[in-house]
Amino acid sequence: MDGEIDMDNMEEQLKEKAQKRSSRNEFGVRMFDEMELMVQKPQKEQRREAGYIDTVLVTWSKAQGAEQTYNLTYRVDRNMTSKKLREDACLYWGISEVEYILKTVMTNSKVQDDVPIQNCFRSNEDAHLMLVHKTPTKERPSEEELKAIRPKTGAKSRRKEPRNAAAGDLEKQGGPGGAGATGAASGADFSKQLDVVPGFKEFMLQGDQDVRKHQDRLKLHSICVFFIIVVATLFAIFHIRAPNTEYICHRGVLSALTDPRVIVMTGSSTPDFEDIRSLDDVWSWLQNTVPSE
C-alpha cells in the first residue's frame, strides 16, 4: 500500500511539473516558476563575496583638529582604487586633489593611490577613511641660505667659515694664492655681477685704471666728431637766432604802447599804462597812444 501511495504522489508531481511547463498565459507566452529561474552561486563564491567591501565612509574637516567634520558614504566596486576615491571626494567638496591624501582611521597610515579599496583595510577594520591635508615636505636649506642666516659673531660666525685644505696650505706656505685667494674669488663674483650693467662697470673701472691708458682709446675720428658737434652747436646759437632780437621786438612794442607821451598839438600828456586809474585816462590812451602806433 505504501508503495502505491508513493507512486501516486510521484505521478501527481510529474503531472504538475508538466502542466507548469506547458502552461501559457492568455497572450500565448509561456509561464515559468520563479524558483526555477533563480540560480544559486556556490557556497565558496558566496563566502568570498561576503568579504568584499561595497561601502566606504570618508571623513573630511576644513582644519586639522577641528570639531566639525563632514562625512560622505561611497559605493565602491571590487576594482576601484584609492586614487579614484580620493579624486571623487575632493571633487565633491571642491578642494584640490593634489593637496590631500587618504588615511585609515585605525592605523592612521597613508593609503597609496594604486592600492584597491578592497586591500586598504584589515579583516576586522571598519571601512572608514580620512581625507587629510598633506604634510609640507621639509627641504634642507642650501649653503647660501645657511651662510646668510649664520650669526655675525661667535663660534659659528660668518667670519670664521671653514676653508678648504688647498687654500689653507697655500696660505700657510705664503704662496701667491694664499692670503689673496678668497679676495680674488669674491672679486671675480663681483665682476660677474657687474656684467649685467656694462655701462656702470665701465664707469667703476675708470678710477682704477692708469690715466695713460685712456690715450690708447682716443682716435682721430673721435676728435673730428666732437669738433663737428661743437661747431654745429655754436652755429645754432649765434647765427640761426640773432642775440637779443626777440627781446628788442618785445620791448619795442611794449614801450610804444605803455610808456607816457606828450601830445604836440594840444600840449597835453597821456599817462603811463600802469598809471591809468579813471575812464578819462582810458579814453585818452585809446584815442592818442594806440592810433599813433
C-alpha atoms as a PDB file:
ATOM      1  CA  MET A   1       0.000   0.000   0.000  1.00  0.00           C
ATOM      2  CA  ASP A   2       2.809   2.434   0.848  1.00  0.00           C
ATOM      3  CA  GLY A   3       4.471   1.736  -2.469  1.00  0.00           C
ATOM      4  CA  GLU A   4       1.316   2.510  -4.365  1.00  0.00           C
ATOM      5  CA  ILE A   5       0.868   5.816  -2.479  1.00  0.00           C
ATOM      6  CA  ASP A   6       4.451   6.886  -3.282  1.00  0.00           C
ATOM      7  CA  MET A   7       3.929   6.079  -6.929  1.00  0.00           C
ATOM      8  CA  ASP A   8       0.735   8.105  -6.948  1.00  0.00           C
ATOM      9  CA  ASN A   9       2.493  11.101  -5.373  1.00  0.00           C
ATOM     10  CA  MET A  10       5.297  10.938  -7.886  1.00  0.00           C
ATOM     11  CA  GLU A  11       2.806  10.791 -10.731  1.00  0.00           C
ATOM     12  CA  GLU A  12       0.970  13.837  -9.373  1.00  0.00           C
ATOM     13  CA  GLN A  13       4.213  15.806  -9.025  1.00  0.00           C
ATOM     14  CA  LEU A  14       5.226  14.897 -12.561  1.00  0.00           C
ATOM     15  CA  LYS A  15       1.827  15.962 -13.855  1.00  0.00           C
ATOM     16  CA  GLU A  16       2.092  19.308 -12.015  1.00  0.00           C
ATOM     17  CA  LYS A  17       5.542  19.937 -13.472  1.00  0.00           C
ATOM     18  CA  ALA A  18       4.305  19.049 -16.923  1.00  0.00           C
ATOM     19  CA  GLN A  19       1.378  21.439 -16.524  1.00  0.00           C
ATOM     20  CA  LYS A  20       3.678  24.214 -15.348  1.00  0.00           C
ATOM     21  CA  ARG A  21       5.995  23.724 -18.306  1.00  0.00           C
ATOM     22  CA  SER A  22       3.127  23.735 -20.775  1.00  0.00           C
ATOM     23  CA  SER A  23       1.146  26.494 -19.052  1.00  0.00           C
ATOM     24  CA  ARG A  24       0.786  29.678 -21.060  1.00  0.00           C
ATOM     25  CA  ASN A  25      -0.988  32.943 -20.413  1.00  0.00           C
ATOM     26  CA  GLU A  26      -3.750  34.476 -22.461  1.00  0.00           C
ATOM     27  CA  PHE A  27      -1.230  36.063 -24.813  1.00  0.00           C
ATOM     28  CA  GLY A  28       0.432  32.740 -25.514  1.00  0.00           C
ATOM     29  CA  VAL A  29       3.581  33.485 -23.525  1.00  0.00           C
ATOM     30  CA  ARG A  30       4.982  30.543 -21.622  1.00  0.00           C
ATOM     31  CA  MET A  31       4.880  30.896 -17.829  1.00  0.00           C
ATOM     32  CA  PHE A  32       7.759  29.812 -15.563  1.00  0.00           C
ATOM     33  CA  ASP A  33       8.078  29.314 -11.851  1.00  0.00           C
ATOM     34  CA  GLU A  34      10.272  31.996 -10.266  1.00  0.00           C
ATOM     35  CA  MET A  35      12.054  29.497  -8.053  1.00  0.00           C
ATOM     36  CA  GLU A  36      13.104  27.501 -11.074  1.00  0.00           C
ATOM     37  CA  LEU A  37      14.662  30.575 -12.692  1.00  0.00           C
ATOM     38  CA  MET A  38      16.765  31.505  -9.638  1.00  0.00           C
ATOM     39  CA  VAL A  39      20.359  30.321  -9.749  1.00  0.00           C
ATOM     40  CA  GLN A  40      22.365  29.968  -6.582  1.00  0.00           C
ATOM     41  CA  LYS A  41      26.102  30.568  -6.594  1.00  0.00           C
ATOM     42  CA  PRO A  42      28.426  28.056  -4.995  1.00  0.00           C
ATOM     43  CA  GLN A  43      28.983  28.398  -1.263  1.00  0.00           C
ATOM     44  CA  LYS A  44      32.678  29.134  -1.766  1.00  0.00           C
ATOM     45  CA  GLU A  45      31.952  32.079  -4.049  1.00  0.00           C
ATOM     46  CA  GLN A  46      29.238  33.342  -1.710  1.00  0.00           C
ATOM     47  CA  ARG A  47      31.672  33.350   1.227  1.00  0.00           C
ATOM     48  CA  ARG A  48      34.262  35.197  -0.858  1.00  0.00           C
ATOM     49  CA  GLU A  49      31.767  37.868  -1.926  1.00  0.00           C
ATOM     50  CA  ALA A  50      30.642  38.327   1.662  1.00  0.00           C
ATOM     51  CA  GLY A  51      34.117  39.653   2.491  1.00  0.00           C
ATOM     52  CA  TYR A  52      34.045  42.291  -0.267  1.00  0.00           C
ATOM     53  CA  ILE A  53      33.743  45.970   0.723  1.00  0.00           C
ATOM     54  CA  ASP A  54      30.920  47.732  -1.075  1.00  0.00           C
ATOM     55  CA  THR A  55      30.589  50.894   1.057  1.00  0.00           C
ATOM     56  CA  VAL A  56      33.296  53.255   2.358  1.00  0.00           C
ATOM     57  CA  LEU A  57      32.860  56.184   4.742  1.00  0.00           C
ATOM     58  CA  VAL A  58      35.078  59.217   4.017  1.00  0.00           C
ATOM     59  CA  THR A  59      35.548  61.935   6.671  1.00  0.00           C
ATOM     60  CA  TRP A  60      36.938  65.410   5.987  1.00  0.00           C
ATOM     61  CA  SER A  61      37.443  68.534   8.112  1.00  0.00           C
ATOM     62  CA  LYS A  62      38.355  72.027   6.947  1.00  0.00           C
ATOM     63  CA  ALA A  63      41.143  72.416   9.510  1.00  0.00           C
ATOM     64  CA  GLN A  64      43.252  69.841  11.288  1.00  0.00           C
ATOM     65  CA  GLY A  65      41.827  69.104  14.722  1.00  0.00           C
ATOM     66  CA  ALA A  66      38.552  70.912  14.027  1.00  0.00           C
ATOM     67  CA  GLU A  67      35.458  69.671  15.830  1.00  0.00           C
ATOM     68  CA  GLN A  68      33.165  69.976  12.827  1.00  0.00           C
ATOM     69  CA  THR A  69      33.692  67.163  10.325  1.00  0.00           C
ATOM     70  CA  TYR A  70      31.944  66.196   7.097  1.00  0.00           C
ATOM     71  CA  ASN A  71      31.082  62.588   6.258  1.00  0.00           C
ATOM     72  CA  LEU A  72      30.344  61.085   2.875  1.00  0.00           C
ATOM     73  CA  THR A  73      29.402  57.494   2.014  1.00  0.00           C
ATOM     74  CA  TYR A  74      30.661  55.972  -1.229  1.00  0.00           C
ATOM     75  CA  ARG A  75      29.559  52.833  -3.032  1.00  0.00           C
ATOM     76  CA  VAL A  76      32.619  51.071  -4.412  1.00  0.00           C
ATOM     77  CA  ASP A  77      33.222  48.012  -6.543  1.00  0.00           C
ATOM     78  CA  ARG A  78      35.957  45.406  -6.397  1.00  0.00           C
ATOM     79  CA  ASN A  79      38.243  47.169  -8.896  1.00  0.00           C
ATOM     80  CA  MET A  80      38.034  50.733  -7.569  1.00  0.00           C
ATOM     81  CA  THR A  81      41.355  52.245  -6.454  1.00  0.00           C
ATOM     82  CA  SER A  82      42.006  54.709  -3.670  1.00  0.00           C
ATOM     83  CA  LYS A  83      43.135  57.343  -6.188  1.00  0.00           C
ATOM     84  CA  LYS A  84      39.723  57.360  -7.869  1.00  0.00           C
ATOM     85  CA  LEU A  85      38.013  57.581  -4.477  1.00  0.00           C
ATOM     86  CA  ARG A  86      40.253  60.477  -3.395  1.00  0.00           C
ATOM     87  CA  GLU A  87      39.631  62.381  -6.636  1.00  0.00           C
ATOM     88  CA  ASP A  88      35.853  61.936  -6.327  1.00  0.00           C
ATOM     89  CA  ALA A  89      35.857  63.063  -2.693  1.00  0.00           C
ATOM     90  CA  CYS A  90      37.959  66.160  -3.459  1.00  0.00           C
ATOM     91  CA  LEU A  91      35.701  66.991  -6.392  1.00  0.00           C
ATOM     92  CA  TYR A  92      32.614  66.663  -4.176  1.00  0.00           C
ATOM     93  CA  TRP A  93      33.956  69.051  -1.506  1.00  0.00           C
ATOM     94  CA  GLY A  94      35.607  71.405  -4.015  1.00  0.00           C
ATOM     95  CA  ILE A  95      39.202  71.044  -2.795  1.00  0.00           C
ATOM     96  CA  SER A  96      42.469  70.329  -4.572  1.00  0.00           C
ATOM     97  CA  GLU A  97      43.226  66.644  -5.026  1.00  0.00           C
ATOM     98  CA  VAL A  98      46.964  67.421  -5.075  1.00  0.00           C
ATOM     99  CA  GLU A  99      46.967  68.788  -1.523  1.00  0.00           C
ATOM    100  CA  TYR A 100      45.036  65.938   0.161  1.00  0.00           C
ATOM    101  CA  ILE A 101      45.646  62.240   0.857  1.00  0.00           C
ATOM    102  CA  LEU A 102      43.631  59.360   2.304  1.00  0.00           C
ATOM    103  CA  LYS A 103      44.466  57.783   5.655  1.00  0.00           C
ATOM    104  CA  THR A 104      42.946  54.898   7.586  1.00  0.00           C
ATOM    105  CA  VAL A 105      41.239  55.694  10.880  1.00  0.00           C
ATOM    106  CA  MET A 106      42.533  52.750  12.895  1.00  0.00           C
ATOM    107  CA  THR A 107      46.224  52.738  11.923  1.00  0.00           C
ATOM    108  CA  ASN A 108      46.497  56.350  10.672  1.00  0.00           C
ATOM    109  CA  SER A 109      48.538  55.121   7.705  1.00  0.00           C
ATOM    110  CA  LYS A 110      48.603  56.688   4.273  1.00  0.00           C
ATOM    111  CA  VAL A 111      46.760  54.847   1.509  1.00  0.00           C
ATOM    112  CA  GLN A 112      48.725  54.629  -1.730  1.00  0.00           C
ATOM    113  CA  ASP A 113      46.990  55.667  -4.942  1.00  0.00           C
ATOM    114  CA  ASP A 114      47.453  52.360  -6.761  1.00  0.00           C
ATOM    115  CA  VAL A 115      46.022  50.201  -3.937  1.00  0.00           C
ATOM    116  CA  PRO A 116      42.468  48.868  -4.482  1.00  0.00           C
ATOM    117  CA  ILE A 117      39.889  49.730  -1.860  1.00  0.00           C
ATOM    118  CA  GLN A 118      39.463  46.034  -1.056  1.00  0.00           C
ATOM    119  CA  ASN A 119      43.089  45.865   0.163  1.00  0.00           C
ATOM    120  CA  CYS A 120      43.084  49.052   2.254  1.00  0.00           C
ATOM    121  CA  PHE A 121      41.581  47.557   5.412  1.00  0.00           C
ATOM    122  CA  ARG A 122      42.196  44.612   7.667  1.00  0.00           C
ATOM    123  CA  SER A 123      39.690  41.841   8.187  1.00  0.00           C
ATOM    124  CA  ASN A 124      38.258  43.342  11.378  1.00  0.00           C
ATOM    125  CA  GLU A 125      38.719  47.011  10.437  1.00  0.00           C
ATOM    126  CA  ASP A 126      35.900  49.386   9.564  1.00  0.00           C
ATOM    127  CA  ALA A 127      35.822  50.765   6.025  1.00  0.00           C
ATOM    128  CA  HIS A 128      36.458  54.302   7.192  1.00  0.00           C
ATOM    129  CA  LEU A 129      38.966  56.710   5.589  1.00  0.00           C
ATOM    130  CA  MET A 130      40.021  60.246   6.457  1.00  0.00           C
ATOM    131  CA  LEU A 131      40.765  62.896   3.843  1.00  0.00           C
ATOM    132  CA  VAL A 132      43.593  64.943   5.380  1.00  0.00           C
ATOM    133  CA  HIS A 133      45.903  67.684   4.171  1.00  0.00           C
ATOM    134  CA  LYS A 134      49.405  66.723   3.117  1.00  0.00           C
ATOM    135  CA  THR A 135      52.294  67.455   5.443  1.00  0.00           C
ATOM    136  CA  PRO A 136      54.640  70.016   3.823  1.00  0.00           C
ATOM    137  CA  THR A 137      57.895  68.471   2.680  1.00  0.00           C
ATOM    138  CA  LYS A 138      60.890  69.656   4.665  1.00  0.00           C
ATOM    139  CA  GLU A 139      63.785  70.647   2.436  1.00  0.00           C
ATOM    140  CA  ARG A 140      67.303  71.162   3.683  1.00  0.00           C
ATOM    141  CA  PRO A 141      68.429  74.792   3.219  1.00  0.00           C
ATOM    142  CA  SER A 142      71.154  75.451   0.682  1.00  0.00           C
ATOM    143  CA  GLU A 143      74.674  76.589   1.518  1.00  0.00           C
ATOM    144  CA  GLU A 144      73.856  80.172   0.513  1.00  0.00           C
ATOM    145  CA  GLU A 145      70.857  80.234   2.859  1.00  0.00           C
ATOM    146  CA  LEU A 146      72.888  78.774   5.725  1.00  0.00           C
ATOM    147  CA  LYS A 147      75.576  81.362   5.126  1.00  0.00           C
ATOM    148  CA  ALA A 148      73.030  84.194   5.130  1.00  0.00           C
ATOM    149  CA  ILE A 149      71.467  83.177   8.460  1.00  0.00           C
ATOM    150  CA  ARG A 150      74.763  82.453  10.179  1.00  0.00           C
ATOM    151  CA  PRO A 151      75.442  84.805  13.145  1.00  0.00           C
ATOM    152  CA  LYS A 152      77.935  87.630  12.699  1.00  0.00           C
ATOM    153  CA  THR A 153      79.763  86.885  15.940  1.00  0.00           C
ATOM    154  CA  GLY A 154      80.507  83.772  17.929  1.00  0.00           C
ATOM    155  CA  ALA A 155      81.896  80.332  17.222  1.00  0.00           C
ATOM    156  CA  LYS A 156      79.699  79.839  14.140  1.00  0.00           C
ATOM    157  CA  SER A 157      80.043  83.337  12.772  1.00  0.00           C
ATOM    158  CA  ARG A 158      80.356  84.151   9.097  1.00  0.00           C
ATOM    159  CA  ARG A 159      83.901  85.398   9.526  1.00  0.00           C
ATOM    160  CA  LYS A 160      85.075  82.030  10.805  1.00  0.00           C
ATOM    161  CA  GLU A 161      83.946  79.954   7.849  1.00  0.00           C
ATOM    162  CA  PRO A 162      85.929  76.769   7.275  1.00  0.00           C
ATOM    163  CA  ARG A 163      88.295  76.998   4.329  1.00  0.00           C
ATOM    164  CA  ASN A 164      89.288  74.184   2.071  1.00  0.00           C
ATOM    165  CA  ALA A 165      92.563  72.359   2.602  1.00  0.00           C
ATOM    166  CA  ALA A 166      94.270  73.626  -0.526  1.00  0.00           C
ATOM    167  CA  ALA A 167      93.631  77.267   0.265  1.00  0.00           C
ATOM    168  CA  GLY A 168      94.751  76.708   3.854  1.00  0.00           C
ATOM    169  CA  ASP A 169      98.014  75.080   2.798  1.00  0.00           C
ATOM    170  CA  LEU A 170      98.820  77.858   0.356  1.00  0.00           C
ATOM    171  CA  GLU A 171      98.099  80.461   2.997  1.00  0.00           C
ATOM    172  CA  LYS A 172     100.400  78.727   5.475  1.00  0.00           C
ATOM    173  CA  GLN A 173     103.164  78.473   2.868  1.00  0.00           C
ATOM    174  CA  GLY A 174     102.779  82.139   1.983  1.00  0.00           C
ATOM    175  CA  GLY A 175     102.291  81.369  -1.693  1.00  0.00           C
ATOM    176  CA  PRO A 176     100.873  83.770  -4.243  1.00  0.00           C
ATOM    177  CA  GLY A 177      97.359  82.369  -3.835  1.00  0.00           C
ATOM    178  CA  GLY A 178      97.407  82.174  -0.070  1.00  0.00           C
ATOM    179  CA  ALA A 179      96.026  85.280   1.579  1.00  0.00           C
ATOM    180  CA  GLY A 180      94.539  86.707  -1.623  1.00  0.00           C
ATOM    181  CA  ALA A 181      92.716  83.547  -2.764  1.00  0.00           C
ATOM    182  CA  THR A 182      89.454  84.422  -1.034  1.00  0.00           C
ATOM    183  CA  GLY A 183      89.651  88.048  -2.148  1.00  0.00           C
ATOM    184  CA  ALA A 184      90.272  87.020  -5.752  1.00  0.00           C
ATOM    185  CA  ALA A 185      87.260  84.699  -5.697  1.00  0.00           C
ATOM    186  CA  SER A 186      84.994  87.388  -4.260  1.00  0.00           C
ATOM    187  CA  GLY A 187      86.329  89.903  -6.787  1.00  0.00           C
ATOM    188  CA  ALA A 188      85.550  87.508  -9.619  1.00  0.00           C
ATOM    189  CA  ASP A 189      81.979  87.092  -8.369  1.00  0.00           C
ATOM    190  CA  PHE A 190      81.558  90.874  -8.135  1.00  0.00           C
ATOM    191  CA  SER A 191      82.898  91.250 -11.665  1.00  0.00           C
ATOM    192  CA  LYS A 192      80.341  88.740 -12.950  1.00  0.00           C
ATOM    193  CA  GLN A 193      77.558  90.648 -11.239  1.00  0.00           C
ATOM    194  CA  LEU A 194      78.694  93.868 -12.913  1.00  0.00           C
ATOM    195  CA  ASP A 195      78.468  92.228 -16.348  1.00  0.00           C
ATOM    196  CA  VAL A 196      74.709  92.765 -16.189  1.00  0.00           C
ATOM    197  CA  VAL A 197      75.245  96.560 -16.298  1.00  0.00           C
ATOM    198  CA  PRO A 198      78.221  97.113 -18.643  1.00  0.00           C
ATOM    199  CA  GLY A 199      77.972 100.905 -18.551  1.00  0.00           C
ATOM    200  CA  PHE A 200      78.188 101.020 -14.762  1.00  0.00           C
ATOM    201  CA  LYS A 201      81.057  98.520 -14.862  1.00  0.00           C
ATOM    202  CA  GLU A 202      82.975 100.723 -17.301  1.00  0.00           C
ATOM    203  CA  PHE A 203      82.421 103.738 -15.061  1.00  0.00           C
ATOM    204  CA  MET A 204      83.586 101.827 -11.979  1.00  0.00           C
ATOM    205  CA  LEU A 205      86.764 100.625 -13.686  1.00  0.00           C
ATOM    206  CA  GLN A 206      87.828 104.067 -14.904  1.00  0.00           C
ATOM    207  CA  GLY A 207      89.027 105.128 -11.460  1.00  0.00           C
ATOM    208  CA  ASP A 208      91.188 102.016 -11.072  1.00  0.00           C
ATOM    209  CA  GLN A 209      92.940 102.295 -14.436  1.00  0.00           C
ATOM    210  CA  ASP A 210      96.007 104.330 -15.257  1.00  0.00           C
ATOM    211  CA  VAL A 211      95.342 107.709 -16.874  1.00  0.00           C
ATOM    212  CA  ARG A 212      97.786 106.948 -19.666  1.00  0.00           C
ATOM    213  CA  LYS A 213      95.652 104.051 -20.785  1.00  0.00           C
ATOM    214  CA  HIS A 214      92.897 106.456 -21.855  1.00  0.00           C
ATOM    215  CA  GLN A 215      95.210 107.753 -24.579  1.00  0.00           C
ATOM    216  CA  ASP A 216      95.084 104.404 -26.329  1.00  0.00           C
ATOM    217  CA  ARG A 217      91.334 104.711 -26.729  1.00  0.00           C
ATOM    218  CA  LEU A 218      91.461 108.232 -28.249  1.00  0.00           C
ATOM    219  CA  LYS A 219      91.227 108.131 -32.042  1.00  0.00           C
ATOM    220  CA  LEU A 220      91.374 110.859 -34.688  1.00  0.00           C
ATOM    221  CA  HIS A 221      87.841 110.216 -35.884  1.00  0.00           C
ATOM    222  CA  SER A 222      86.547 110.722 -32.323  1.00  0.00           C
ATOM    223  CA  ILE A 223      88.229 114.130 -32.131  1.00  0.00           C
ATOM    224  CA  CYS A 224      86.763 115.122 -35.505  1.00  0.00           C
ATOM    225  CA  VAL A 225      83.257 114.101 -34.489  1.00  0.00           C
ATOM    226  CA  PHE A 226      83.402 116.065 -31.237  1.00  0.00           C
ATOM    227  CA  PHE A 227      84.786 119.108 -33.097  1.00  0.00           C
ATOM    228  CA  ILE A 228      81.925 118.996 -35.614  1.00  0.00           C
ATOM    229  CA  ILE A 229      79.397 118.799 -32.775  1.00  0.00           C
ATOM    230  CA  VAL A 230      80.906 121.850 -31.060  1.00  0.00           C
ATOM    231  CA  VAL A 231      80.917 123.872 -34.305  1.00  0.00           C
ATOM    232  CA  ALA A 232      77.317 122.963 -35.095  1.00  0.00           C
ATOM    233  CA  THR A 233      76.246 123.958 -31.593  1.00  0.00           C
ATOM    234  CA  LEU A 234      77.936 127.353 -31.799  1.00  0.00           C
ATOM    235  CA  PHE A 235      76.466 127.976 -35.253  1.00  0.00           C
ATOM    236  CA  ALA A 236      72.968 127.214 -33.961  1.00  0.00           C
ATOM    237  CA  ILE A 237      73.412 129.598 -31.040  1.00  0.00           C
ATOM    238  CA  PHE A 238      74.914 132.657 -32.764  1.00  0.00           C
ATOM    239  CA  HIS A 239      73.770 132.522 -36.405  1.00  0.00           C
ATOM    240  CA  ILE A 240      70.387 130.878 -36.638  1.00  0.00           C
ATOM    241  CA  ARG A 241      68.879 133.074 -33.880  1.00  0.00           C
ATOM    242  CA  ALA A 242      70.359 136.575 -33.564  1.00  0.00           C
ATOM    243  CA  PRO A 243      71.083 137.656 -29.973  1.00  0.00           C
ATOM    244  CA  ASN A 244      68.505 139.945 -28.230  1.00  0.00           C
ATOM    245  CA  THR A 245      66.254 140.091 -31.297  1.00  0.00           C
ATOM    246  CA  GLU A 246      63.228 138.703 -29.558  1.00  0.00           C
ATOM    247  CA  TYR A 247      63.809 140.896 -26.513  1.00  0.00           C
ATOM    248  CA  ILE A 248      64.153 144.063 -28.611  1.00  0.00           C
ATOM    249  CA  CYS A 249      60.998 143.302 -30.588  1.00  0.00           C
ATOM    250  CA  HIS A 250      59.054 142.595 -27.444  1.00  0.00           C
ATOM    251  CA  ARG A 251      60.405 145.599 -25.594  1.00  0.00           C
ATOM    252  CA  GLY A 252      59.776 147.992 -28.513  1.00  0.00           C
ATOM    253  CA  VAL A 253      56.097 147.125 -28.793  1.00  0.00           C
ATOM    254  CA  LEU A 254      55.665 147.189 -25.030  1.00  0.00           C
ATOM    255  CA  SER A 255      57.274 150.615 -24.568  1.00  0.00           C
ATOM    256  CA  ALA A 256      55.357 152.137 -27.509  1.00  0.00           C
ATOM    257  CA  LEU A 257      52.020 151.170 -26.030  1.00  0.00           C
ATOM    258  CA  THR A 258      52.658 151.612 -22.326  1.00  0.00           C
ATOM    259  CA  ASP A 259      55.145 154.492 -21.906  1.00  0.00           C
ATOM    260  CA  PRO A 260      53.780 158.013 -21.270  1.00  0.00           C
ATOM    261  CA  ARG A 261      53.944 160.511 -24.153  1.00  0.00           C
ATOM    262  CA  VAL A 262      53.233 164.210 -24.880  1.00  0.00           C
ATOM    263  CA  ILE A 263      50.671 165.276 -27.486  1.00  0.00           C
ATOM    264  CA  VAL A 264      52.357 168.009 -29.586  1.00  0.00           C
ATOM    265  CA  MET A 265      49.174 169.552 -30.942  1.00  0.00           C
ATOM    266  CA  THR A 266      47.456 170.061 -27.600  1.00  0.00           C
ATOM    267  CA  GLY A 267      50.461 170.057 -25.310  1.00  0.00           C
ATOM    268  CA  SER A 268      48.816 167.545 -23.003  1.00  0.00           C
ATOM    269  CA  SER A 269      50.351 164.224 -21.995  1.00  0.00           C
ATOM    270  CA  THR A 270      48.964 160.698 -21.768  1.00  0.00           C
ATOM    271  CA  PRO A 271      49.701 158.826 -18.570  1.00  0.00           C
ATOM    272  CA  ASP A 272      51.683 155.622 -18.321  1.00  0.00           C
ATOM    273  CA  PHE A 273      49.680 152.459 -18.881  1.00  0.00           C
ATOM    274  CA  GLU A 274      50.267 151.360 -15.319  1.00  0.00           C
ATOM    275  CA  ASP A 275      49.058 154.762 -14.024  1.00  0.00           C
ATOM    276  CA  ILE A 276      45.622 154.576 -15.659  1.00  0.00           C
ATOM    277  CA  ARG A 277      43.045 154.878 -12.910  1.00  0.00           C
ATOM    278  CA  SER A 278      39.957 156.506 -14.464  1.00  0.00           C
ATOM    279  CA  LEU A 279      37.771 156.249 -17.524  1.00  0.00           C
ATOM    280  CA  ASP A 280      39.159 159.510 -18.966  1.00  0.00           C
ATOM    281  CA  ASP A 281      42.666 158.092 -18.840  1.00  0.00           C
ATOM    282  CA  VAL A 282      41.478 155.023 -20.728  1.00  0.00           C
ATOM    283  CA  TRP A 283      39.875 157.130 -23.477  1.00  0.00           C
ATOM    284  CA  SER A 284      42.963 159.304 -23.741  1.00  0.00           C
ATOM    285  CA  TRP A 285      45.152 156.179 -24.146  1.00  0.00           C
ATOM    286  CA  LEU A 286      42.838 154.684 -26.781  1.00  0.00           C
ATOM    287  CA  GLN A 287      42.483 157.930 -28.798  1.00  0.00           C
ATOM    288  CA  ASN A 288      46.097 159.073 -28.739  1.00  0.00           C
ATOM    289  CA  THR A 289      48.578 156.271 -27.965  1.00  0.00           C
ATOM    290  CA  VAL A 290      47.049 153.330 -29.837  1.00  0.00           C
ATOM    291  CA  PRO A 291      46.301 155.164 -33.151  1.00  0.00           C
ATOM    292  CA  SER A 292      49.738 156.739 -33.271  1.00  0.00           C
ATOM    293  CA  GLU A 293      51.406 153.335 -33.126  1.00  0.00           C
END
